Amino acid sequence: MTGKLGVAVIGCGKAGQAQLHWFARHAKCAIAALFDPLAEKGRQAAAAYNAPFLSSWQAAASYDGVDLVSLCGPESVRAEQAIFALENGKHVLCEKPFANTLDECDQMIAAAERCERMLLAYYNMRFHPVVHAVDEHIDAIAPVYAARFSYTQFRTNLSWRHRIEQGGGVLKSQGVHAIDLALRWLGPVNTVSGEMAIIHGGREVEDFALVNLRLQSGAIAEVYTAYTDRQPEEMRAQLQGMRGKLELRLNPYLPERNGVWLKQAGATRCIALRQASEIDPVYPGLLDCSGAAIKHLVDQLAAGRPSPLDGRAGRRSIEIVLAAYESQRRRTKIKLPLESFELDSLADCFPRFSPGDGPLTE
């Protein structure tokens, strides 16, 4: 890579705004193009970053000055956008969730290989100081035999996120962060079982999910995720090991809530977190993890080296989400690899809580 990396951001919502901030601050990057279907939002972002606002996502994804296209909009169009950008010679960064189906994931991965471009998954929490602290101390409790993750918030609004065309609800949109960290710390998954429901009467996809994972190591993990839990958005986890226990709390908005605790021999020690270089202006509790993620991705692109945050990393989490949906639909445990999942049967995966025929209320 010579000169600056020209970046196009498609989707200027909160995720796009956070990425724009960190890409603009990177010495080797320049914001080269922007698009958002809400034109006023896109124009405001374009003015803030002195970049052209283009008339369509296709125009942004094929713009001459662009080297990397970052997809921050709805996942219902993620595969179409990624393949188009790759075929126009661009590297592609996909916000989570990666895509709607495994077939879409496979088409995206194949397009990246065919076009000799990098396809990247944006799991920025891997770079959070809380996650780094667990990485540094997990050997102190190993081997890990059980884990429990919760990632919840209370969301009463209805938006595109809650429509069936997005391919899933809270597990796919929010729970993938917890799933990705479970894979990071516990290894590959053998079987998946899921229970989920629609609590808010106006939603078309699940807003409450409990998923159990049996890891190939023999460990067991539980992932609980919901838009119906009356607390601020927050991820919590407990890792139980043969020599101790690690607990973590990761809050995207309240940095003072972040922490990691090591419990051994009846004593609890609070682990010091890496100091952040800067606080994220959109998600203050994420500290500088988005900046660290973008630095990693840009460094890999510059060096022409593969990244562990590639298309296959994005696919792995989607496979577990879809296996959980299939488990709910078939009322049985699903063994990986997932043989098939028919998107036409998606509505059958989300039973409604029978009294829940109205909206959530405070």
Protein backbone atom coordinates (compact mmCIF):
# COMPACT_ATOMS: atom_id res chain seq x y z
CA MET A 1 0.00 0.00 0.00
CA THR A 2 1.46 3.35 -1.06
CA GLY A 3 0.06 6.64 0.14
CA LYS A 4 -3.08 6.81 2.23
CA LEU A 5 -5.78 4.16 2.30
CA GLY A 6 -8.95 5.63 0.83
CA VAL A 7 -11.95 4.52 2.93
CA ALA A 8 -15.62 4.56 1.95
CA VAL A 9 -18.14 4.15 4.77
CA ILE A 10 -21.59 2.92 3.78
CA GLY A 11 -24.03 3.58 6.61
CA CYS A 12 -23.54 6.66 8.81
CA GLY A 13 -25.41 5.55 11.93
CA LYS A 14 -23.69 5.06 15.28
CA ALA A 15 -21.43 2.24 14.08
CA GLY A 16 -20.48 4.22 10.99
CA GLN A 17 -19.85 7.38 13.01
CA ALA A 18 -17.51 5.51 15.36
CA GLN A 19 -15.57 4.04 12.44
CA LEU A 20 -15.36 7.41 10.69
CA HIS A 21 -13.81 8.94 13.81
CA TRP A 22 -11.07 6.33 14.07
CA PHE A 23 -10.34 6.04 10.34
CA ALA A 24 -10.02 9.84 10.14
CA ARG A 25 -7.53 9.84 13.02
CA HIS A 26 -5.35 7.13 11.45
CA ALA A 27 -2.31 8.69 9.78
CA LYS A 28 -2.44 6.23 6.88
CA CYS A 29 -6.17 6.62 6.10
CA ALA A 30 -8.37 9.19 4.42
CA ILE A 31 -12.17 9.28 4.23
CA ALA A 32 -12.73 9.11 0.47
CA ALA A 33 -16.51 8.63 0.13
CA LEU A 34 -19.70 8.28 2.17
CA PHE A 35 -23.23 7.01 1.65
CA ASP A 36 -26.30 6.67 3.82
CA PRO A 37 -29.87 6.06 2.60
CA LEU A 38 -30.92 8.95 4.87
CA ALA A 39 -29.39 11.66 2.73
CA GLU A 40 -29.31 14.39 5.40
CA LYS A 41 -27.43 12.13 7.82
CA GLY A 42 -24.96 11.21 5.09
CA ARG A 43 -24.42 14.81 4.02
CA GLN A 44 -23.76 15.91 7.59
CA ALA A 45 -21.11 13.20 7.96
CA ALA A 46 -19.60 14.10 4.59
CA ALA A 47 -19.34 17.75 5.61
CA ALA A 48 -17.75 16.81 8.94
CA TYR A 49 -15.06 14.74 7.23
CA ASN A 50 -14.70 16.83 4.07
CA ALA A 51 -15.57 13.85 1.88
CA PRO A 52 -17.97 13.42 -1.05
CA PHE A 53 -21.47 12.15 -0.29
CA LEU A 54 -22.40 9.88 -3.18
CA SER A 55 -25.83 9.14 -4.60
CA SER A 56 -25.87 5.37 -3.98
CA TRP A 57 -24.00 2.67 -2.14
CA GLN A 58 -22.91 1.31 -5.53
CA ALA A 59 -21.28 4.64 -6.34
CA ALA A 60 -19.45 4.66 -2.99
CA ALA A 61 -18.37 1.02 -3.31
CA SER A 62 -16.86 1.57 -6.76
CA TYR A 63 -15.45 5.09 -6.30
CA ASP A 64 -12.01 5.58 -7.84
CA GLY A 65 -10.39 7.00 -4.73
CA VAL A 66 -11.52 4.13 -2.50
CA ASP A 67 -9.33 1.19 -1.44
CA LEU A 68 -11.43 -0.14 1.48
CA VAL A 69 -15.22 -0.20 1.79
CA SER A 70 -16.63 -0.44 5.30
CA LEU A 71 -20.20 -1.76 5.46
CA CYS A 72 -22.07 -0.37 8.47
CA GLY A 73 -25.69 -0.64 7.31
CA PRO A 74 -28.34 -3.37 7.53
CA GLU A 75 -27.13 -6.94 7.10
CA SER A 76 -29.98 -7.73 4.71
CA VAL A 77 -27.87 -6.12 1.94
CA ARG A 78 -24.44 -6.96 3.38
CA ALA A 79 -23.59 -9.81 0.99
CA GLU A 80 -24.71 -7.90 -2.12
CA GLN A 81 -22.69 -4.86 -1.10
CA ALA A 82 -19.59 -6.85 -0.14
CA ILE A 83 -19.48 -8.86 -3.37
CA PHE A 84 -20.05 -5.73 -5.48
CA ALA A 85 -17.21 -3.89 -3.73
CA LEU A 86 -14.83 -6.85 -3.99
CA GLU A 87 -15.57 -7.24 -7.69
CA ASN A 88 -14.76 -3.55 -8.10
CA GLY A 89 -11.30 -4.12 -6.66
CA LYS A 90 -11.92 -2.93 -3.10
CA HIS A 91 -11.06 -4.54 0.22
CA VAL A 92 -14.15 -4.91 2.42
CA LEU A 93 -14.73 -4.53 6.16
CA CYS A 94 -18.08 -5.85 7.46
CA GLU A 95 -19.68 -4.71 10.69
CA LYS A 96 -21.23 -7.48 12.71
CA PRO A 97 -23.31 -9.49 12.05
CA PHE A 98 -21.41 -10.67 9.00
CA ALA A 99 -24.32 -11.78 6.77
CA ASN A 100 -27.74 -13.45 6.87
CA THR A 101 -26.87 -17.00 5.78
CA LEU A 102 -23.92 -19.34 5.44
CA ASP A 103 -24.43 -19.33 1.69
CA GLU A 104 -24.02 -15.55 1.70
CA CYS A 105 -20.87 -15.89 3.83
CA ASP A 106 -19.45 -18.47 1.42
CA GLN A 107 -20.21 -16.30 -1.60
CA MET A 108 -18.48 -13.34 0.05
CA ILE A 109 -15.41 -15.42 0.97
CA ALA A 110 -15.24 -16.88 -2.55
CA ALA A 111 -15.48 -13.40 -4.09
CA ALA A 112 -12.60 -12.16 -1.90
CA GLU A 113 -10.44 -15.09 -2.96
CA ARG A 114 -11.40 -14.73 -6.63
CA CYS A 115 -10.74 -10.98 -6.63
CA GLU A 116 -7.58 -11.27 -4.47
CA ARG A 117 -8.90 -8.75 -1.96
CA MET A 118 -9.23 -8.90 1.81
CA LEU A 119 -12.61 -9.52 3.45
CA LEU A 120 -12.62 -8.54 7.12
CA ALA A 121 -15.03 -8.93 10.06
CA TYR A 122 -15.27 -6.03 12.51
CA TYR A 123 -15.15 -7.70 15.94
CA ASN A 124 -13.73 -4.63 17.65
CA MET A 125 -14.35 -5.92 21.18
CA ARG A 126 -11.43 -8.31 20.73
CA PHE A 127 -9.22 -5.23 21.18
CA HIS A 128 -10.92 -3.93 24.33
CA PRO A 129 -8.75 -3.56 27.49
CA VAL A 130 -11.18 -5.87 29.32
CA VAL A 131 -10.70 -8.60 26.71
CA HIS A 132 -6.92 -8.03 26.74
CA ALA A 133 -6.89 -8.51 30.52
CA VAL A 134 -8.76 -11.81 30.22
CA ASP A 135 -6.36 -12.90 27.46
CA GLU A 136 -3.44 -12.18 29.80
CA HIS A 137 -4.86 -14.05 32.82
CA ILE A 138 -6.89 -16.95 31.46
CA ASP A 139 -3.94 -19.34 31.80
CA ALA A 140 -4.04 -18.68 35.56
CA ILE A 141 -7.39 -20.49 35.83
CA ALA A 142 -6.98 -23.02 32.99
CA PRO A 143 -8.33 -25.38 31.93
CA VAL A 144 -11.72 -23.65 31.61
CA TYR A 145 -14.66 -26.04 31.97
CA ALA A 146 -17.62 -23.63 31.95
CA ALA A 147 -18.51 -20.08 30.96
CA ARG A 148 -21.55 -17.88 31.19
CA PHE A 149 -22.02 -14.78 29.03
CA SER A 150 -24.79 -12.21 29.16
CA TYR A 151 -25.15 -9.25 26.81
CA THR A 152 -28.39 -7.37 27.40
CA GLN A 153 -30.13 -4.04 27.28
CA PHE A 154 -33.65 -2.63 27.44
CA ARG A 155 -34.76 -1.51 23.96
CA THR A 156 -38.41 -0.58 23.48
CA ASN A 157 -38.23 1.00 20.03
CA LEU A 158 -39.01 -0.71 16.74
CA SER A 159 -36.74 -0.25 13.74
CA TRP A 160 -35.27 -2.12 10.77
CA ARG A 161 -33.30 -4.22 13.29
CA HIS A 162 -36.51 -5.97 14.35
CA ARG A 163 -37.75 -7.01 10.90
CA ILE A 164 -37.62 -10.55 9.54
CA GLU A 165 -35.62 -9.49 6.46
CA GLN A 166 -32.61 -8.84 8.71
CA GLY A 167 -32.29 -12.60 9.17
CA GLY A 168 -32.59 -12.63 12.96
CA GLY A 169 -32.82 -10.49 16.05
CA VAL A 170 -30.89 -9.87 19.23
CA LEU A 171 -28.81 -13.07 19.07
CA LYS A 172 -27.59 -12.24 15.59
CA SER A 173 -27.17 -8.51 16.09
CA GLN A 174 -25.86 -8.36 19.67
CA GLY A 175 -25.12 -11.89 20.85
CA VAL A 176 -22.47 -12.43 18.17
CA HIS A 177 -20.03 -10.39 20.26
CA ALA A 178 -20.40 -12.83 23.16
CA ILE A 179 -20.24 -15.81 20.78
CA ASP A 180 -17.04 -14.47 19.22
CA LEU A 181 -15.40 -14.13 22.65
CA ALA A 182 -16.58 -17.61 23.67
CA LEU A 183 -14.84 -18.99 20.58
CA ARG A 184 -11.74 -16.95 21.38
CA TRP A 185 -11.38 -18.26 24.92
CA LEU A 186 -12.91 -21.75 24.70
CA GLY A 187 -12.23 -22.94 21.16
CA PRO A 188 -14.42 -24.63 18.53
CA VAL A 189 -18.03 -25.61 19.19
CA ASN A 190 -19.37 -29.15 18.88
CA THR A 191 -23.12 -28.73 19.53
CA VAL A 192 -25.59 -25.85 19.90
CA SER A 193 -28.99 -25.69 21.57
CA GLY A 194 -31.16 -22.60 21.69
CA GLU A 195 -34.31 -21.23 23.25
CA MET A 196 -35.67 -17.87 22.20
CA ALA A 197 -38.84 -15.80 22.02
CA ILE A 198 -40.43 -12.59 20.82
CA ILE A 199 -41.49 -10.64 23.91
CA HIS A 200 -42.27 -7.24 22.32
CA GLY A 201 -45.45 -7.81 20.33
CA GLY A 202 -44.42 -5.59 17.43
CA ARG A 203 -41.19 -7.41 16.62
CA GLU A 204 -40.76 -10.07 13.93
CA VAL A 205 -37.54 -11.61 15.26
CA GLU A 206 -36.33 -12.72 18.67
CA ASP A 207 -35.60 -10.16 21.38
CA PHE A 208 -34.73 -12.78 24.04
CA ALA A 209 -32.42 -15.78 23.61
CA LEU A 210 -30.64 -18.42 25.69
CA VAL A 211 -28.06 -20.55 23.90
CA ASN A 212 -25.98 -23.43 25.24
CA LEU A 213 -22.71 -24.43 23.56
CA ARG A 214 -20.82 -27.67 24.07
CA LEU A 215 -17.23 -27.02 23.09
CA GLN A 216 -14.97 -29.58 21.46
CA SER A 217 -12.82 -29.38 24.60
CA GLY A 218 -15.78 -30.64 26.64
CA ALA A 219 -16.40 -27.23 28.23
CA ILE A 220 -19.92 -25.80 28.35
CA ALA A 221 -20.88 -22.18 27.67
CA GLU A 222 -24.17 -20.32 28.05
CA VAL A 223 -24.99 -17.15 26.11
CA TYR A 224 -27.93 -15.02 27.29
CA THR A 225 -28.82 -11.97 25.21
CA ALA A 226 -31.92 -9.77 25.24
CA TYR A 227 -33.45 -6.43 24.38
CA THR A 228 -35.90 -6.97 27.25
CA ASP A 229 -33.61 -6.81 30.29
CA ARG A 230 -34.28 -3.65 32.30
CA GLN A 231 -30.71 -2.43 32.64
CA PRO A 232 -28.27 -0.33 30.59
CA GLU A 233 -26.52 -2.15 27.75
CA GLU A 234 -23.71 -4.29 29.17
CA MET A 235 -21.82 -7.54 28.64
CA ARG A 236 -20.90 -9.71 31.60
CA ALA A 237 -19.11 -13.05 31.70
CA GLN A 238 -17.84 -15.65 34.14
CA LEU A 239 -15.14 -18.16 33.15
CA GLN A 240 -14.85 -21.14 35.51
CA GLY A 241 -11.51 -22.92 35.47
CA MET A 242 -9.95 -25.78 37.37
CA ARG A 243 -7.63 -23.28 39.13
CA GLY A 244 -9.89 -20.27 39.58
CA LYS A 245 -12.48 -17.98 38.10
CA LEU A 246 -12.43 -14.85 35.94
CA GLU A 247 -15.29 -12.36 35.87
CA LEU A 248 -15.61 -9.49 33.43
CA ARG A 249 -17.88 -6.55 32.80
CA LEU A 250 -17.79 -4.58 29.56
CA ASN A 251 -20.08 -1.58 29.17
CA PRO A 252 -20.15 0.18 25.77
CA TYR A 253 -21.24 3.51 27.25
CA LEU A 254 -20.02 3.70 30.87
CA PRO A 255 -16.23 3.23 31.09
CA GLU A 256 -16.30 3.23 34.88
CA ARG A 257 -18.28 -0.03 34.75
CA ASN A 258 -15.53 -1.93 32.90
CA GLY A 259 -13.55 -4.43 34.93
CA VAL A 260 -11.97 -7.88 35.27
CA TRP A 261 -11.67 -9.86 38.51
CA LEU A 262 -9.58 -12.95 39.22
CA LYS A 263 -10.83 -15.24 41.99
CA GLN A 264 -8.48 -17.87 43.45
CA ALA A 265 -8.08 -19.54 46.83
CA GLY A 266 -10.81 -17.51 48.45
CA ALA A 267 -9.36 -14.16 47.36
CA THR A 268 -10.49 -11.69 44.68
CA ARG A 269 -8.08 -9.48 42.76
CA CYS A 270 -9.14 -6.65 40.46
CA ILE A 271 -7.00 -6.80 37.32
CA ALA A 272 -5.57 -3.48 36.14
CA LEU A 273 -6.76 -2.61 32.62
CA ARG A 274 -4.59 -1.25 29.84
CA GLN A 275 -4.92 2.52 29.71
CA ALA A 276 -6.82 3.79 26.70
CA SER A 277 -5.08 6.22 24.37
CA GLU A 278 -8.38 8.02 23.71
CA ILE A 279 -12.04 7.61 24.63
CA ASP A 280 -14.43 6.74 21.81
CA PRO A 281 -16.81 9.69 21.24
CA VAL A 282 -19.74 7.44 20.22
CA TYR A 283 -19.26 4.49 22.57
CA PRO A 284 -17.25 5.86 25.54
CA GLY A 285 -17.19 2.49 27.31
CA LEU A 286 -15.44 0.90 24.35
CA LEU A 287 -12.50 3.20 25.17
CA ASP A 288 -10.05 2.92 22.25
CA CYS A 289 -10.82 -0.62 21.10
CA SER A 290 -12.25 0.53 17.75
CA GLY A 291 -9.09 2.51 17.11
CA ALA A 292 -6.97 -0.54 17.98
CA ALA A 293 -9.09 -2.75 15.72
CA ILE A 294 -8.75 -0.33 12.81
CA LYS A 295 -4.98 -0.01 13.39
CA HIS A 296 -4.68 -3.80 13.24
CA LEU A 297 -6.70 -4.04 10.04
CA VAL A 298 -4.84 -1.21 8.32
CA ASP A 299 -1.47 -2.70 9.34
CA GLN A 300 -2.48 -6.09 7.90
CA LEU A 301 -3.63 -4.49 4.66
CA ALA A 302 -0.43 -2.44 4.38
CA ALA A 303 1.72 -5.52 4.89
CA GLY A 304 -0.43 -7.78 2.72
CA ARG A 305 -0.81 -10.18 5.65
CA PRO A 306 -3.97 -12.14 6.45
CA SER A 307 -5.90 -11.21 9.58
CA PRO A 308 -7.58 -13.54 12.07
CA LEU A 309 -10.57 -11.22 11.61
CA ASP A 310 -11.25 -12.57 8.12
CA GLY A 311 -14.39 -13.78 6.41
CA ARG A 312 -14.16 -17.16 8.09
CA ALA A 313 -14.21 -15.50 11.52
CA GLY A 314 -17.41 -13.75 10.51
CA ARG A 315 -18.86 -17.01 9.22
CA ARG A 316 -18.12 -18.95 12.42
CA SER A 317 -20.35 -16.75 14.57
CA ILE A 318 -23.16 -16.76 11.98
CA GLU A 319 -23.06 -20.57 11.88
CA ILE A 320 -23.64 -20.73 15.64
CA VAL A 321 -26.48 -18.19 15.46
CA LEU A 322 -28.21 -20.13 12.70
CA ALA A 323 -27.65 -23.43 14.54
CA ALA A 324 -29.37 -21.89 17.58
CA TYR A 325 -32.32 -20.84 15.39
CA GLU A 326 -32.51 -24.33 13.89
CA SER A 327 -32.34 -25.85 17.37
CA GLN A 328 -35.37 -23.77 18.42
CA ARG A 329 -37.27 -24.67 15.25
CA ARG A 330 -36.55 -28.41 15.50
CA ARG A 331 -36.55 -28.50 19.33
CA THR A 332 -33.30 -30.45 19.42
CA LYS A 333 -29.55 -30.01 19.85
CA ILE A 334 -27.70 -29.23 16.59
CA LYS A 335 -24.29 -30.69 15.80
CA LEU A 336 -21.79 -28.57 13.87
CA PRO A 337 -20.99 -28.11 11.09
CA LEU A 338 -24.52 -26.96 10.33
CA GLU A 339 -25.71 -28.98 7.35
CA SER A 340 -28.38 -26.58 6.13
CA PHE A 341 -30.59 -23.70 7.15
CA GLU A 342 -33.52 -22.52 5.09
CA LEU A 343 -34.12 -18.79 5.44
CA ASP A 344 -37.74 -19.40 4.38
CA SER A 345 -38.29 -21.18 7.72
CA LEU A 346 -36.89 -18.30 9.79
CA ALA A 347 -40.26 -17.16 11.13
CA ASP A 348 -40.78 -20.64 12.63
CA CYS A 349 -37.70 -20.11 14.82
CA PHE A 350 -39.21 -17.33 16.94
CA PRO A 351 -42.16 -18.34 19.10
CA ARG A 352 -44.05 -15.48 20.69
CA PHE A 353 -44.48 -15.12 24.40
CA SER A 354 -48.23 -15.70 24.48
CA PRO A 355 -49.30 -12.78 26.69
CA GLY A 356 -46.82 -10.52 24.89
CA ASP A 357 -49.08 -9.08 22.22
CA GLY A 358 -48.11 -5.47 22.91
CA PRO A 359 -45.02 -3.30 23.24
CA LEU A 360 -42.65 -3.36 26.19
CA THR A 361 -43.32 -0.66 28.74
CA GLU A 362 -41.18 0.99 31.36
